[in-house]
Amino acid sequence: MNCIRIIAATTLAGALLASTQAIADPRATQTTGQEAGPSTPADVWLRRLAGRYRFEGLVHVMAKGDCGPLPPDPAKQDQMSEAPPEPYCRSIKGTGDCVAVGKGPGVQCVLNVFWQDMYEVLMQQSEAGAESVDASPTGVFELPGGVAYLDPSMALFGLDPGNSAISYLVVDNKGMPEGGPGHVSGNRATFKTTCVNAPTLLNAMKPEEFNDRMPGSCLRTIHFDARPDSKVVLVTIDIEINDDVFTRATMTMRRQMEDAATPGRQTR
């Protein structure tokens, strides 16, 4: 059923890629410290995405604190006293296959990228003999970016012919589309859009203030760093709640051996 939804949602891609326009984001190069450089032509940059990849990385709910130490190596007993990662950090693993499509500069990716789901679970706190009951919220609450949504998923990148700008469309594992315009600065492409199904997500979060107010907005900013002839593509996904980063996913897309020497392959 998920595959059917993904295929059906791709019909939105043509209209989206043809109608969007690039929007400059002055903070685009500040998220991970990437230096801005001479702009790479969008069609040249797009061709760098083609290839078969292995994904690895980390999802970190930054609003809940830092990640703990990595799990100890079972072969080293002297490390067994180390604490495991905090419950708001998860390892990312997966694969992806990106191919050039059509005669123009377009790329379609089929992704199977996953991590262990994260929720905020709050139990009622009470002490023996206490006269009052803790009135803090209890239950299971959503964490933006905490639930894996790219296994399976589809991504489509293309050019807006009238503006020479890049647009993208991602269809998640529930068949929900998310996309918008982007721009290239140096070797980095940046896309920014409203989170898919944002009202539902915001209502499912723990009812508490973040950045001095209740959750009221959700934006997703994606950076792709693709250098010419590189064996890796670096990806950063920031989910902002109330204009501040709540969750960050950092991924390395590592080319598989058969594609490392030919990043511009075209099979369709």
Protein backbone atom coordinates (compact mmCIF):
# COMPACT_ATOMS: atom_id res chain seq x y z
CA MET A 1 0.00 0.00 0.00
CA ASN A 2 2.85 2.39 0.79
CA CYS A 3 4.36 1.80 -2.65
CA ILE A 4 1.01 2.58 -4.29
CA ARG A 5 0.74 5.82 -2.34
CA ILE A 6 4.28 6.81 -3.27
CA ILE A 7 3.69 6.16 -6.97
CA ALA A 8 0.41 8.08 -6.88
CA ALA A 9 1.98 11.04 -5.13
CA THR A 10 4.66 11.36 -7.79
CA THR A 11 2.00 12.77 -10.10
CA LEU A 12 2.33 15.95 -8.08
CA ALA A 13 5.99 16.28 -9.04
CA GLY A 14 5.53 17.80 -12.50
CA ALA A 15 3.38 20.68 -11.30
CA LEU A 16 5.56 21.28 -8.27
CA LEU A 17 8.87 21.31 -10.15
CA ALA A 18 7.50 23.55 -12.88
CA SER A 19 5.85 26.16 -10.69
CA THR A 20 8.22 26.76 -7.76
CA GLN A 21 10.78 29.57 -7.58
CA ALA A 22 14.05 29.78 -5.66
CA ILE A 23 13.97 31.61 -2.34
CA ALA A 24 17.26 32.85 -0.91
CA ASP A 25 17.77 31.97 2.74
CA PRO A 26 20.40 34.16 4.44
CA ARG A 27 20.88 31.52 7.16
CA ALA A 28 21.44 28.66 4.72
CA THR A 29 25.22 28.54 5.18
CA GLN A 30 25.12 28.96 8.96
CA THR A 31 23.52 25.67 10.02
CA THR A 32 26.62 23.48 9.73
CA GLY A 33 29.31 26.06 9.10
CA GLN A 34 29.57 25.41 5.36
CA GLU A 35 31.45 28.20 3.62
CA ALA A 36 29.67 29.88 0.75
CA GLY A 37 31.45 29.82 -2.60
CA PRO A 38 30.91 30.56 -6.27
CA SER A 39 27.56 29.18 -7.30
CA THR A 40 27.60 25.87 -9.17
CA PRO A 41 25.18 25.74 -12.13
CA ALA A 42 22.07 23.92 -10.96
CA ASP A 43 22.17 21.39 -13.80
CA VAL A 44 25.80 20.54 -13.03
CA TRP A 45 25.05 20.14 -9.32
CA LEU A 46 22.06 17.89 -9.96
CA ARG A 47 24.11 15.37 -11.92
CA ARG A 48 26.36 14.87 -8.89
CA LEU A 49 23.50 13.16 -7.03
CA ALA A 50 23.21 10.18 -9.36
CA GLY A 51 24.54 6.95 -7.85
CA ARG A 52 23.90 4.10 -5.44
CA TYR A 53 24.48 4.98 -1.80
CA ARG A 54 24.82 3.56 1.67
CA PHE A 55 23.46 5.91 4.36
CA GLU A 56 24.84 6.36 7.87
CA GLY A 57 24.34 9.11 10.39
CA LEU A 58 22.59 10.32 13.52
CA VAL A 59 19.22 11.84 14.49
CA HIS A 60 19.51 14.10 17.53
CA VAL A 61 16.56 15.79 19.26
CA MET A 62 18.65 18.79 20.23
CA ALA A 63 15.87 20.43 22.24
CA LYS A 64 16.11 17.59 24.77
CA GLY A 65 19.85 17.77 25.45
CA ASP A 66 23.12 16.27 24.27
CA CYS A 67 23.75 12.72 23.14
CA GLY A 68 25.42 10.41 25.62
CA PRO A 69 28.53 8.31 24.96
CA LEU A 70 28.34 5.71 22.22
CA PRO A 71 27.43 2.15 23.26
CA PRO A 72 30.41 0.26 24.68
CA ASP A 73 32.27 -2.26 22.58
CA PRO A 74 31.16 -5.66 23.92
CA ALA A 75 34.69 -6.97 23.27
CA LYS A 76 36.13 -4.50 25.77
CA GLN A 77 34.83 -5.33 29.22
CA ASP A 78 36.50 -2.29 30.77
CA GLN A 79 34.06 -0.06 28.87
CA MET A 80 30.91 -1.71 30.17
CA SER A 81 30.44 1.00 32.79
CA GLU A 82 29.87 3.65 30.13
CA ALA A 83 26.34 4.99 29.74
CA PRO A 84 24.43 4.24 26.52
CA PRO A 85 23.23 7.05 24.25
CA GLU A 86 20.44 9.24 25.58
CA PRO A 87 16.93 8.28 24.45
CA TYR A 88 16.81 11.25 22.10
CA CYS A 89 19.62 10.13 19.76
CA ARG A 90 19.33 7.41 17.14
CA SER A 91 21.69 5.97 14.54
CA ILE A 92 20.67 6.24 10.88
CA LYS A 93 21.24 3.44 8.40
CA GLY A 94 19.94 2.63 4.97
CA THR A 95 20.41 2.62 1.23
CA GLY A 96 19.45 4.77 -1.72
CA ASP A 97 19.49 4.58 -5.50
CA CYS A 98 19.48 7.88 -7.42
CA VAL A 99 19.27 7.93 -11.20
CA ALA A 100 19.18 10.68 -13.80
CA VAL A 101 15.80 10.81 -15.53
CA GLY A 102 14.80 12.20 -18.89
CA LYS A 103 16.89 14.27 -21.26
CA GLY A 104 17.07 17.24 -18.91
CA PRO A 105 18.85 17.53 -15.55
CA GLY A 106 16.55 15.60 -13.24
CA VAL A 107 17.26 12.97 -10.57
CA GLN A 108 14.93 10.46 -8.95
CA CYS A 109 15.91 8.62 -5.76
CA VAL A 110 14.37 5.55 -4.15
CA LEU A 111 15.31 5.54 -0.46
CA ASN A 112 15.20 3.02 2.37
CA VAL A 113 16.60 5.02 5.28
CA PHE A 114 15.58 4.25 8.85
CA TRP A 115 16.24 4.82 12.54
CA GLN A 116 14.58 3.64 15.71
CA ASP A 117 11.51 5.74 16.45
CA MET A 118 11.66 8.22 19.33
CA TYR A 119 8.80 9.55 21.45
CA GLU A 120 8.60 11.58 24.62
CA VAL A 121 7.08 9.31 27.25
CA LEU A 122 6.04 10.99 30.51
CA MET A 123 4.72 9.12 33.51
CA GLN A 124 2.92 10.69 36.46
CA GLN A 125 5.36 11.53 39.25
CA SER A 126 4.19 11.13 42.82
CA GLU A 127 5.83 10.54 46.17
CA ALA A 128 4.57 8.26 48.90
CA GLY A 129 2.59 10.23 51.46
CA ALA A 130 2.30 13.30 49.25
CA GLU A 131 -0.96 15.22 49.67
CA SER A 132 -1.05 16.51 46.09
CA VAL A 133 -0.69 14.80 42.75
CA ASP A 134 1.71 16.06 40.09
CA ALA A 135 -0.40 17.84 37.45
CA SER A 136 2.31 17.78 34.74
CA PRO A 137 1.27 16.36 31.34
CA THR A 138 1.55 12.59 31.06
CA GLY A 139 1.39 10.28 28.07
CA VAL A 140 3.25 9.59 24.83
CA PHE A 141 4.07 12.71 22.79
CA GLU A 142 5.46 13.23 19.31
CA LEU A 143 9.00 14.50 18.78
CA PRO A 144 9.56 16.37 15.49
CA GLY A 145 11.77 14.12 13.36
CA GLY A 146 11.62 11.35 15.93
CA VAL A 147 9.71 8.88 13.78
CA ALA A 148 11.48 7.44 10.73
CA TYR A 149 9.67 8.47 7.55
CA LEU A 150 12.07 7.54 4.73
CA ASP A 151 11.67 3.74 4.68
CA PRO A 152 10.57 3.51 1.96
CA SER A 153 10.39 6.91 0.29
CA MET A 154 10.95 8.67 -3.01
CA ALA A 155 12.73 11.94 -3.80
CA LEU A 156 12.65 13.84 -7.06
CA PHE A 157 14.93 16.75 -7.95
CA GLY A 158 14.59 18.90 -11.05
CA LEU A 159 14.97 22.35 -12.57
CA ASP A 160 12.46 25.15 -12.84
CA PRO A 161 13.16 26.05 -16.50
CA GLY A 162 12.08 29.66 -16.11
CA ASN A 163 14.39 30.39 -13.21
CA SER A 164 17.21 27.82 -13.46
CA ALA A 165 16.35 26.96 -9.86
CA ILE A 166 16.19 23.53 -8.23
CA SER A 167 12.96 22.14 -6.85
CA TYR A 168 12.41 18.93 -4.96
CA LEU A 169 9.63 16.59 -3.92
CA VAL A 170 9.84 13.94 -1.20
CA VAL A 171 7.08 11.38 -0.72
CA ASP A 172 7.38 9.67 2.67
CA ASN A 173 6.49 6.13 3.74
CA LYS A 174 2.87 7.19 4.31
CA GLY A 175 2.51 8.65 0.84
CA MET A 176 2.60 12.25 2.13
CA PRO A 177 4.33 14.71 -0.24
CA GLU A 178 6.62 17.51 0.87
CA GLY A 179 8.60 19.79 -1.40
CA GLY A 180 9.55 23.22 -2.54
CA PRO A 181 12.19 25.40 -4.17
CA GLY A 182 15.89 25.52 -3.43
CA HIS A 183 19.09 27.23 -4.45
CA VAL A 184 22.75 26.32 -4.91
CA SER A 185 25.63 28.15 -3.25
CA GLY A 186 29.05 26.71 -3.91
CA ASN A 187 28.69 22.93 -3.65
CA ARG A 188 25.66 23.15 -1.36
CA ALA A 189 21.99 23.01 -2.30
CA THR A 190 19.50 24.22 0.30
CA PHE A 191 15.76 23.53 0.45
CA LYS A 192 13.32 24.92 2.99
CA THR A 193 9.66 24.06 3.38
CA THR A 194 6.88 23.71 5.92
CA CYS A 195 6.84 20.31 7.64
CA VAL A 196 4.41 17.85 6.14
CA ASN A 197 1.17 17.64 8.14
CA ALA A 198 2.52 20.31 10.52
CA PRO A 199 -0.75 21.05 12.45
CA THR A 200 -1.15 17.39 13.41
CA LEU A 201 2.47 17.16 14.54
CA LEU A 202 2.31 20.34 16.62
CA ASN A 203 -0.89 19.19 18.36
CA ALA A 204 0.73 15.85 19.22
CA MET A 205 3.77 17.42 20.92
CA LYS A 206 4.08 17.85 24.66
CA PRO A 207 2.09 21.00 25.58
CA GLU A 208 4.94 23.14 26.82
CA GLU A 209 6.71 26.28 25.63
CA PHE A 210 9.66 26.07 23.29
CA ASN A 211 11.61 29.21 22.37
CA ASP A 212 9.33 31.21 24.74
CA ARG A 213 6.01 30.13 23.21
CA MET A 214 3.86 27.11 22.57
CA PRO A 215 4.71 25.13 19.41
CA GLY A 216 3.15 27.04 16.53
CA SER A 217 5.30 26.51 13.44
CA CYS A 218 7.39 23.72 11.92
CA LEU A 219 9.94 24.21 9.14
CA ARG A 220 12.28 21.68 7.56
CA THR A 221 15.60 22.85 6.10
CA ILE A 222 17.68 20.38 4.08
CA HIS A 223 21.29 20.93 3.01
CA PHE A 224 23.05 18.71 0.46
CA ASP A 225 26.82 19.13 0.12
CA ALA A 226 27.92 17.46 -3.12
CA ARG A 227 31.46 18.18 -4.26
CA PRO A 228 32.61 17.29 -7.77
CA ASP A 229 33.97 13.74 -8.09
CA SER A 230 33.41 13.09 -4.39
CA LYS A 231 32.61 9.62 -3.04
CA VAL A 232 30.21 11.06 -0.45
CA VAL A 233 27.28 13.46 -0.29
CA LEU A 234 26.69 15.10 3.10
CA VAL A 235 23.12 15.80 4.20
CA THR A 236 21.82 17.89 7.11
CA ILE A 237 18.11 18.05 7.94
CA ASP A 238 17.03 20.63 10.52
CA ILE A 239 13.50 20.68 11.90
CA GLU A 240 12.71 24.07 13.39
CA ILE A 241 9.93 24.63 15.89
CA ASN A 242 9.12 28.28 16.52
CA ASP A 243 12.12 29.31 14.38
CA ASP A 244 14.68 27.37 16.43
CA VAL A 245 16.27 23.97 15.70
CA PHE A 246 14.47 21.21 17.59
CA THR A 247 15.85 18.12 15.83
CA ARG A 248 18.84 17.66 13.52
CA ALA A 249 19.64 14.66 11.33
CA THR A 250 23.13 14.42 9.85
CA MET A 251 23.77 11.80 7.19
CA THR A 252 26.61 10.66 4.96
CA MET A 253 25.56 9.24 1.61
CA ARG A 254 28.50 7.01 0.69
CA ARG A 255 28.76 5.88 -2.92
CA GLN A 256 28.94 2.17 -3.47
CA MET A 257 32.00 0.79 -5.21
CA GLU A 258 30.43 0.35 -8.64
CA ASP A 259 29.32 4.00 -8.72
CA ALA A 260 32.29 5.71 -7.05
CA ALA A 261 34.03 6.31 -10.36
CA THR A 262 30.92 7.35 -12.30
CA PRO A 263 28.81 9.75 -10.19
CA GLY A 264 26.90 11.00 -13.24
CA ARG A 265 25.35 7.69 -14.31
CA GLN A 266 22.05 7.75 -16.17
CA THR A 267 19.89 4.67 -16.42
CA ARG A 268 16.51 6.04 -17.40
